[in-house]
């Protein structure tokens, strides 16, 4: 292994306090990069407890609910203190808003931008936003233009980075998302998982774990169940997650007469998530926009459960190498409903549990992905 390097990781939140895809990836790298010869120090918005929870690797520069000015000043102040203690060999930024205040502090240090998604577009998924959106785009462009290398989750996000933010393609590297495969590969049987969760043994079960917001396509998924129900009268879909659409989705379920067939489970604790994946016959990811990768896809595969996805963003890139049958021909409730029915009726052949687990472990396990990230950090240092 090459000589160790020191990295400063500027994140968003600490995953255990504010779970999210970006925060999960940030924590995974904090946990696994040291094994690849990359020492880590990190900064996030969070509570003072982040320091102990991270084993002393990550500091909270301000509370999540602190005024914006306090958070921005906190990011700069803590970055300056860490620089005084030891200048890092590379600065890795995961969230543009909290990276922007560090401008000028690390002028002579290479920077790697982890592009987890277009912040401005995700903030206003239905369009609009006016000056606020324009300012966010400008801030993102400012941060991204300063990168020596840029890590994206998929070709789809690489295209956004090029076309929206003007980043040179030669600086972009694709590294997929990662999960702790061992956490999801519980090796319990489907029946055992259902027993532990109190789920029915004699019904086809579907699972979807998503934040309850419009871009996730949950409205389409609920409508799709109206297509599936006549063909499979005992089918049951569980949607896990929280978000602003909860009441609207519940009303949609009632309006479609699907109360026996679709349930909103709310927040599912981390230790129960692998069981929910394992208990299902199929996981569905019905996203309609802004999906760079979809960690839920590989979580499901790691648990041994196939996943059916819409052809949106990086979703096909994540699962098609395992089987093209995992990717629907199009989005929309009709394609989703017909795809689900075809799987449950055996007309669409899915990879078996072992194939799903093997694929996830080979391509997306945390050490596999951390090794790729470490190589890009070293590349950035050599190129600077």
Protein backbone atom coordinates (compact mmCIF):
# COMPACT_ATOMS: atom_id res chain seq x y z
CA UNK A 1 0.00 0.00 0.00
CA UNK A 2 1.15 3.55 -0.73
CA UNK A 3 2.14 5.92 2.08
CA UNK A 4 -0.85 7.11 4.16
CA UNK A 5 -2.46 10.42 3.24
CA UNK A 6 -4.56 12.78 5.37
CA UNK A 7 -7.98 13.89 4.19
CA UNK A 8 -10.44 16.51 5.40
CA UNK A 9 -14.02 15.42 4.67
CA UNK A 10 -16.66 18.19 4.59
CA UNK A 11 -20.08 16.57 4.88
CA UNK A 12 -23.68 17.56 5.51
CA UNK A 13 -25.08 15.71 8.56
CA UNK A 14 -24.05 12.72 10.67
CA UNK A 15 -26.06 9.74 9.44
CA UNK A 16 -27.19 8.53 12.87
CA UNK A 17 -28.70 11.97 13.56
CA UNK A 18 -30.15 12.84 10.14
CA UNK A 19 -30.31 9.77 7.89
CA UNK A 20 -29.98 10.38 4.17
CA UNK A 21 -28.19 8.91 1.17
CA UNK A 22 -25.40 11.51 1.19
CA UNK A 23 -24.94 11.12 4.93
CA UNK A 24 -24.84 7.33 4.68
CA UNK A 25 -22.10 7.52 2.05
CA UNK A 26 -20.17 10.08 4.09
CA UNK A 27 -20.23 7.86 7.18
CA UNK A 28 -19.27 4.79 5.13
CA UNK A 29 -16.15 6.58 3.87
CA UNK A 30 -15.26 7.86 7.34
CA UNK A 31 -15.45 4.26 8.56
CA UNK A 32 -13.61 2.54 5.71
CA UNK A 33 -11.06 4.91 4.16
CA UNK A 34 -8.52 4.43 6.99
CA UNK A 35 -8.21 0.78 5.92
CA UNK A 36 -7.19 2.08 2.49
CA UNK A 37 -4.42 4.28 3.88
CA UNK A 38 -6.49 7.47 4.00
CA UNK A 39 -6.68 9.12 7.43
CA UNK A 40 -9.91 11.07 7.91
CA UNK A 41 -11.02 14.18 9.75
CA UNK A 42 -14.55 15.37 9.08
CA UNK A 43 -16.94 18.27 9.57
CA UNK A 44 -20.75 18.20 9.57
CA UNK A 45 -23.71 20.09 10.96
CA UNK A 46 -24.87 18.20 14.02
CA UNK A 47 -24.79 17.81 17.77
CA UNK A 48 -21.69 17.71 20.01
CA UNK A 49 -22.30 13.96 20.26
CA UNK A 50 -21.04 13.48 16.70
CA UNK A 51 -17.44 13.51 17.94
CA UNK A 52 -17.88 10.46 20.18
CA UNK A 53 -20.23 8.69 17.75
CA UNK A 54 -17.59 8.94 15.03
CA UNK A 55 -14.77 7.70 17.24
CA UNK A 56 -13.27 11.18 17.36
CA UNK A 57 -13.01 11.53 13.57
CA UNK A 58 -15.80 14.04 12.90
CA UNK A 59 -16.62 17.40 14.49
CA UNK A 60 -19.94 19.24 14.38
CA UNK A 61 -19.34 22.88 13.45
CA UNK A 62 -22.92 23.97 14.34
CA UNK A 63 -26.33 22.53 15.08
CA UNK A 64 -28.53 21.46 12.17
CA UNK A 65 -31.20 23.98 13.17
CA UNK A 66 -28.77 26.83 13.79
CA UNK A 67 -29.22 29.96 11.64
CA UNK A 68 -27.61 29.65 8.22
CA UNK A 69 -25.01 32.30 8.99
CA UNK A 70 -23.98 30.44 12.14
CA UNK A 71 -23.58 27.20 10.21
CA UNK A 72 -21.55 28.81 7.44
CA UNK A 73 -19.28 30.63 9.87
CA UNK A 74 -18.92 27.44 11.91
CA UNK A 75 -17.75 25.53 8.85
CA UNK A 76 -15.08 28.13 8.09
CA UNK A 77 -13.99 28.47 11.71
CA UNK A 78 -13.61 24.73 12.28
CA UNK A 79 -11.86 24.27 8.93
CA UNK A 80 -9.37 26.96 9.87
CA UNK A 81 -8.73 25.24 13.22
CA UNK A 82 -8.15 21.88 11.55
CA UNK A 83 -5.84 23.47 9.02
CA UNK A 84 -3.80 25.01 11.85
CA UNK A 85 -3.53 21.64 13.55
CA UNK A 86 -2.42 19.88 10.35
CA UNK A 87 -2.74 20.77 6.69
CA UNK A 88 -4.54 17.91 4.91
CA UNK A 89 -3.16 16.28 1.79
CA UNK A 90 -6.57 16.41 0.14
CA UNK A 91 -9.90 18.09 0.89
CA UNK A 92 -13.00 16.05 0.00
CA UNK A 93 -16.27 17.98 -0.22
CA UNK A 94 -19.67 16.27 -0.08
CA UNK A 95 -22.05 19.23 0.26
CA UNK A 96 -21.51 22.49 -1.60
CA UNK A 97 -23.20 24.77 0.94
CA UNK A 98 -20.82 23.81 3.75
CA UNK A 99 -17.78 23.59 1.50
CA UNK A 100 -18.20 27.12 0.08
CA UNK A 101 -17.16 28.91 3.31
CA UNK A 102 -13.79 27.16 3.22
CA UNK A 103 -12.82 28.99 0.02
CA UNK A 104 -9.25 30.23 0.19
CA UNK A 105 -8.33 28.19 3.26
CA UNK A 106 -6.89 25.29 1.27
CA UNK A 107 -5.59 27.10 -1.79
CA UNK A 108 -2.57 24.82 -2.15
CA UNK A 109 -4.37 21.54 -1.45
CA UNK A 110 -6.03 19.35 -4.10
CA UNK A 111 -9.79 19.04 -3.79
CA UNK A 112 -12.03 16.10 -4.63
CA UNK A 113 -15.73 16.85 -5.08
CA UNK A 114 -18.11 14.02 -4.22
CA UNK A 115 -21.16 14.93 -6.31
CA UNK A 116 -24.11 13.26 -4.59
CA UNK A 117 -26.70 15.16 -6.60
CA UNK A 118 -27.77 18.60 -7.87
CA UNK A 119 -28.68 20.38 -4.63
CA UNK A 120 -30.58 23.21 -6.32
CA UNK A 121 -32.70 20.89 -8.48
CA UNK A 122 -33.43 18.55 -5.56
CA UNK A 123 -34.53 21.53 -3.48
CA UNK A 124 -37.08 22.49 -6.15
CA UNK A 125 -37.97 19.18 -7.86
CA UNK A 126 -41.07 20.63 -9.49
CA UNK A 127 -39.20 23.61 -10.94
CA UNK A 128 -39.48 27.15 -9.69
CA UNK A 129 -37.34 28.57 -6.93
CA UNK A 130 -36.47 31.75 -8.80
CA UNK A 131 -33.50 33.61 -7.38
CA UNK A 132 -33.05 31.13 -4.55
CA UNK A 133 -32.55 28.29 -7.00
CA UNK A 134 -30.27 30.39 -9.20
CA UNK A 135 -28.13 31.28 -6.19
CA UNK A 136 -27.82 27.63 -5.22
CA UNK A 137 -26.74 26.70 -8.72
CA UNK A 138 -24.16 29.50 -8.68
CA UNK A 139 -22.83 28.36 -5.30
CA UNK A 140 -22.58 24.77 -6.51
CA UNK A 141 -20.81 25.83 -9.68
CA UNK A 142 -18.32 27.85 -7.63
CA UNK A 143 -17.47 24.85 -5.44
CA UNK A 144 -17.39 22.30 -8.24
CA UNK A 145 -15.18 24.41 -10.51
CA UNK A 146 -12.50 24.30 -7.81
CA UNK A 147 -12.29 20.51 -7.85
CA UNK A 148 -9.17 18.69 -8.97
CA UNK A 149 -11.21 15.51 -9.41
CA UNK A 150 -14.95 14.87 -9.22
CA UNK A 151 -16.52 11.61 -8.07
CA UNK A 152 -20.02 10.85 -9.35
CA UNK A 153 -22.26 7.87 -8.61
CA UNK A 154 -23.19 7.19 -12.23
CA UNK A 155 -22.84 8.29 -15.84
CA UNK A 156 -26.20 10.03 -15.42
CA UNK A 157 -24.81 12.29 -12.70
CA UNK A 158 -21.61 12.82 -14.68
CA UNK A 159 -23.75 14.26 -17.46
CA UNK A 160 -25.43 16.68 -15.02
CA UNK A 161 -22.04 17.74 -13.68
CA UNK A 162 -20.84 18.50 -17.21
CA UNK A 163 -23.95 20.13 -18.63
CA UNK A 164 -25.27 22.06 -15.61
CA UNK A 165 -22.05 22.99 -13.85
CA UNK A 166 -19.51 23.06 -16.68
CA UNK A 167 -17.09 20.54 -15.19
CA UNK A 168 -14.48 19.14 -17.58
CA UNK A 169 -15.24 15.50 -18.37
CA UNK A 170 -11.54 14.64 -17.98
CA UNK A 171 -11.82 15.37 -14.25
CA UNK A 172 -14.87 13.18 -13.62
CA UNK A 173 -14.59 9.66 -12.20
CA UNK A 174 -17.48 7.24 -11.59
CA UNK A 175 -17.58 5.40 -8.26
CA UNK A 176 -20.85 3.71 -7.28
CA UNK A 177 -22.58 3.94 -3.94
CA UNK A 178 -21.72 1.43 -1.25
CA UNK A 179 -23.33 -0.48 1.59
CA UNK A 180 -22.15 -2.70 4.39
CA UNK A 181 -23.14 -5.91 2.64
CA UNK A 182 -22.64 -7.93 5.81
CA UNK A 183 -25.30 -5.84 7.57
CA UNK A 184 -27.92 -6.63 4.93
CA UNK A 185 -26.87 -10.21 4.18
CA UNK A 186 -28.54 -11.55 7.33
CA UNK A 187 -28.82 -15.14 6.00
CA UNK A 188 -32.26 -15.49 7.53
CA UNK A 189 -34.89 -17.10 5.34
CA UNK A 190 -37.79 -15.16 3.93
CA UNK A 191 -40.12 -17.01 6.28
CA UNK A 192 -37.97 -16.19 9.32
CA UNK A 193 -37.89 -12.52 8.33
CA UNK A 194 -41.68 -12.43 8.01
CA UNK A 195 -42.08 -14.13 11.37
CA UNK A 196 -39.86 -11.56 13.09
CA UNK A 197 -41.77 -8.67 11.53
CA UNK A 198 -45.21 -10.15 12.03
CA UNK A 199 -45.93 -10.23 8.30
CA UNK A 200 -48.28 -12.68 6.56
CA UNK A 201 -46.74 -15.88 5.23
CA UNK A 202 -49.25 -16.51 2.47
CA UNK A 203 -49.27 -13.21 0.58
CA UNK A 204 -46.95 -11.89 -2.16
CA UNK A 205 -45.08 -9.05 -0.46
CA UNK A 206 -43.57 -5.97 -2.10
CA UNK A 207 -41.34 -3.44 -0.37
CA UNK A 208 -40.34 0.13 -1.17
CA UNK A 209 -38.12 2.26 1.05
CA UNK A 210 -38.09 5.91 0.03
CA UNK A 211 -38.42 9.40 1.38
CA UNK A 212 -42.03 10.47 0.85
CA UNK A 213 -41.46 13.19 -1.74
CA UNK A 214 -42.76 13.56 -5.30
CA UNK A 215 -39.61 12.70 -7.24
CA UNK A 216 -39.62 9.18 -5.75
CA UNK A 217 -42.62 8.18 -7.88
CA UNK A 218 -44.67 6.80 -5.00
CA UNK A 219 -47.88 8.14 -6.51
CA UNK A 220 -47.18 6.00 -9.60
CA UNK A 221 -46.43 2.99 -7.42
CA UNK A 222 -49.73 3.27 -5.56
CA UNK A 223 -51.63 3.66 -8.83
CA UNK A 224 -49.74 0.65 -10.19
CA UNK A 225 -51.14 -1.49 -7.39
CA UNK A 226 -54.61 -0.96 -8.83
CA UNK A 227 -53.32 -2.84 -11.90
CA UNK A 228 -51.67 -5.59 -9.85
CA UNK A 229 -54.58 -6.18 -7.45
CA UNK A 230 -57.03 -7.85 -9.90
CA UNK A 231 -54.34 -10.31 -11.02
CA UNK A 232 -52.97 -10.98 -7.53
CA UNK A 233 -55.75 -10.29 -5.02
CA UNK A 234 -53.56 -11.07 -1.99
CA UNK A 235 -50.63 -8.81 -2.93
CA UNK A 236 -49.37 -6.44 -0.21
CA UNK A 237 -47.04 -3.46 -0.70
CA UNK A 238 -45.30 -1.81 2.24
CA UNK A 239 -43.82 1.68 1.73
CA UNK A 240 -41.32 2.63 4.42
CA UNK A 241 -40.14 6.18 5.01
CA UNK A 242 -41.17 9.63 6.16
CA UNK A 243 -41.80 12.86 4.31
CA UNK A 244 -44.26 15.63 3.44
CA UNK A 245 -46.41 13.46 1.16
CA UNK A 246 -47.56 11.04 3.88
CA UNK A 247 -51.12 12.36 4.20
CA UNK A 248 -51.51 12.73 0.44
CA UNK A 249 -50.30 9.18 -0.19
CA UNK A 250 -52.61 7.78 2.48
CA UNK A 251 -55.52 9.57 0.84
CA UNK A 252 -54.50 8.17 -2.54
CA UNK A 253 -54.46 4.64 -1.13
CA UNK A 254 -57.99 5.11 0.21
CA UNK A 255 -59.26 6.69 -3.02
CA UNK A 256 -58.00 3.67 -5.00
CA UNK A 257 -59.57 1.22 -2.55
CA UNK A 258 -56.18 -0.26 -1.71
CA UNK A 259 -56.25 -0.17 2.08
CA UNK A 260 -55.72 -3.96 2.25
CA UNK A 261 -53.00 -3.87 -0.36
CA UNK A 262 -50.80 -0.85 0.38
CA UNK A 263 -49.46 0.17 3.80
CA UNK A 264 -47.34 3.12 4.87
CA UNK A 265 -44.94 1.86 7.55
CA UNK A 266 -43.34 5.20 8.42
CA UNK A 267 -39.78 5.23 9.73
CA UNK A 268 -38.16 1.80 9.95
CA UNK A 269 -35.22 1.50 12.41
CA UNK A 270 -31.88 0.63 10.83
CA UNK A 271 -31.68 -2.73 12.56
CA UNK A 272 -35.01 -3.79 11.04
CA UNK A 273 -34.37 -2.64 7.47
CA UNK A 274 -32.50 -5.80 6.34
CA UNK A 275 -35.41 -7.93 7.58
CA UNK A 276 -37.91 -5.88 5.58
CA UNK A 277 -35.89 -6.38 2.40
CA UNK A 278 -35.49 -10.09 3.08
CA UNK A 279 -39.18 -10.59 3.86
CA UNK A 280 -40.23 -9.23 0.46
CA UNK A 281 -40.58 -11.15 -2.78
CA UNK A 282 -39.57 -8.01 -4.65
CA UNK A 283 -38.39 -4.46 -3.93
CA UNK A 284 -39.63 -1.68 -6.21
CA UNK A 285 -37.89 1.66 -6.90
CA UNK A 286 -40.32 3.83 -8.95
CA UNK A 287 -38.28 7.06 -9.12
CA UNK A 288 -39.31 9.69 -11.67
CA UNK A 289 -36.33 12.09 -11.53
CA UNK A 290 -32.95 13.03 -10.01
CA UNK A 291 -31.82 9.52 -9.06
CA UNK A 292 -28.05 9.31 -9.21
CA UNK A 293 -27.75 5.77 -7.97
CA UNK A 294 -30.33 4.61 -5.42
CA UNK A 295 -28.70 2.95 -2.41
CA UNK A 296 -31.94 1.10 -1.73
CA UNK A 297 -31.28 -0.99 -4.85
CA UNK A 298 -28.05 -2.48 -3.55
CA UNK A 299 -29.37 -2.78 -0.01
CA UNK A 300 -32.11 -5.01 -1.37
CA UNK A 301 -29.70 -7.05 -3.49
CA UNK A 302 -27.36 -7.47 -0.52
CA UNK A 303 -30.31 -8.88 1.43
CA UNK A 304 -30.93 -11.36 -1.38
CA UNK A 305 -34.09 -9.76 -2.77
CA UNK A 306 -34.34 -8.67 -6.43
CA UNK A 307 -35.29 -5.09 -7.18
CA UNK A 308 -37.37 -3.68 -10.03
CA UNK A 309 -36.43 -0.12 -11.08
CA UNK A 310 -37.63 2.54 -13.47
CA UNK A 311 -35.17 3.56 -16.23
CA UNK A 312 -34.31 6.84 -14.51
CA UNK A 313 -30.88 8.38 -13.83
CA UNK A 314 -28.32 5.94 -12.50
CA UNK A 315 -30.77 3.17 -11.56
CA UNK A 316 -30.21 1.08 -14.70
CA UNK A 317 -26.43 1.39 -14.29
CA UNK A 318 -26.70 0.01 -10.77
CA UNK A 319 -28.67 -3.15 -11.57
CA UNK A 320 -28.63 -3.94 -15.31
CA UNK A 321 -25.21 -5.69 -15.20
CA UNK A 322 -26.86 -8.27 -12.92
CA UNK A 323 -29.96 -8.65 -15.11
CA UNK A 324 -31.65 -6.46 -17.70
CA UNK A 325 -34.97 -7.80 -16.39
CA UNK A 326 -34.53 -5.66 -13.27
CA UNK A 327 -35.08 -2.51 -15.36
CA UNK A 328 -38.57 -1.56 -16.54
CA UNK A 329 -39.02 -0.41 -20.13
CA UNK A 330 -40.45 2.93 -18.96
CA UNK A 331 -41.76 4.79 -15.96
CA UNK A 332 -45.40 5.49 -15.14
CA UNK A 333 -47.98 3.48 -13.24
CA UNK A 334 -48.91 1.22 -16.17
CA UNK A 335 -45.35 -0.01 -16.81
CA UNK A 336 -44.72 -0.41 -13.08
CA UNK A 337 -47.93 -2.33 -12.50
CA UNK A 338 -47.41 -4.65 -15.45
CA UNK A 339 -43.78 -5.22 -14.45
CA UNK A 340 -44.70 -6.15 -10.87
CA UNK A 341 -47.41 -8.53 -12.06
CA UNK A 342 -45.05 -10.17 -14.53
CA UNK A 343 -42.50 -10.80 -11.77
CA UNK A 344 -44.99 -12.21 -9.28
CA UNK A 345 -46.64 -14.40 -11.92
CA UNK A 346 -43.30 -15.76 -13.12
CA UNK A 347 -43.43 -14.14 -16.54
CA UNK A 348 -40.39 -11.96 -15.80
CA UNK A 349 -37.45 -13.97 -14.46
CA UNK A 350 -35.52 -12.41 -11.58
CA UNK A 351 -32.02 -13.38 -10.35
CA UNK A 352 -32.07 -15.66 -7.33
CA UNK A 353 -31.03 -14.67 -3.81
CA UNK A 354 -27.47 -15.94 -4.13
CA UNK A 355 -26.90 -14.11 -7.41
CA UNK A 356 -28.21 -10.88 -5.84
CA UNK A 357 -25.94 -11.20 -2.79
CA UNK A 358 -22.86 -12.11 -4.81
CA UNK A 359 -23.35 -9.17 -7.17
CA UNK A 360 -23.76 -6.71 -4.30
CA UNK A 361 -20.71 -7.99 -2.44
CA UNK A 362 -18.49 -7.97 -5.52
CA UNK A 363 -19.34 -4.46 -6.70
CA UNK A 364 -20.76 -2.39 -3.84
CA UNK A 365 -19.37 -3.58 -0.52
CA UNK A 366 -17.84 -0.72 1.46
CA UNK A 367 -14.16 -1.82 1.19
CA UNK A 368 -14.51 -2.29 -2.58
CA UNK A 369 -15.81 1.25 -3.07
CA UNK A 370 -13.46 2.82 -0.50
CA UNK A 371 -10.48 1.42 -2.40
CA UNK A 372 -11.69 3.16 -5.58
CA UNK A 373 -12.15 6.45 -3.73
CA UNK A 374 -8.68 6.22 -2.19
CA UNK A 375 -7.13 5.72 -5.65
CA UNK A 376 -8.85 8.88 -6.92
CA UNK A 377 -7.62 10.87 -3.91
CA UNK A 378 -4.07 9.82 -4.74
CA UNK A 379 -4.64 10.63 -8.39
CA UNK A 380 -5.80 14.12 -7.43
CA UNK A 381 -2.71 14.65 -5.28
CA UNK A 382 -0.42 13.50 -8.10
CA UNK A 383 -2.22 15.73 -10.64
CA UNK A 384 -2.28 18.90 -8.51
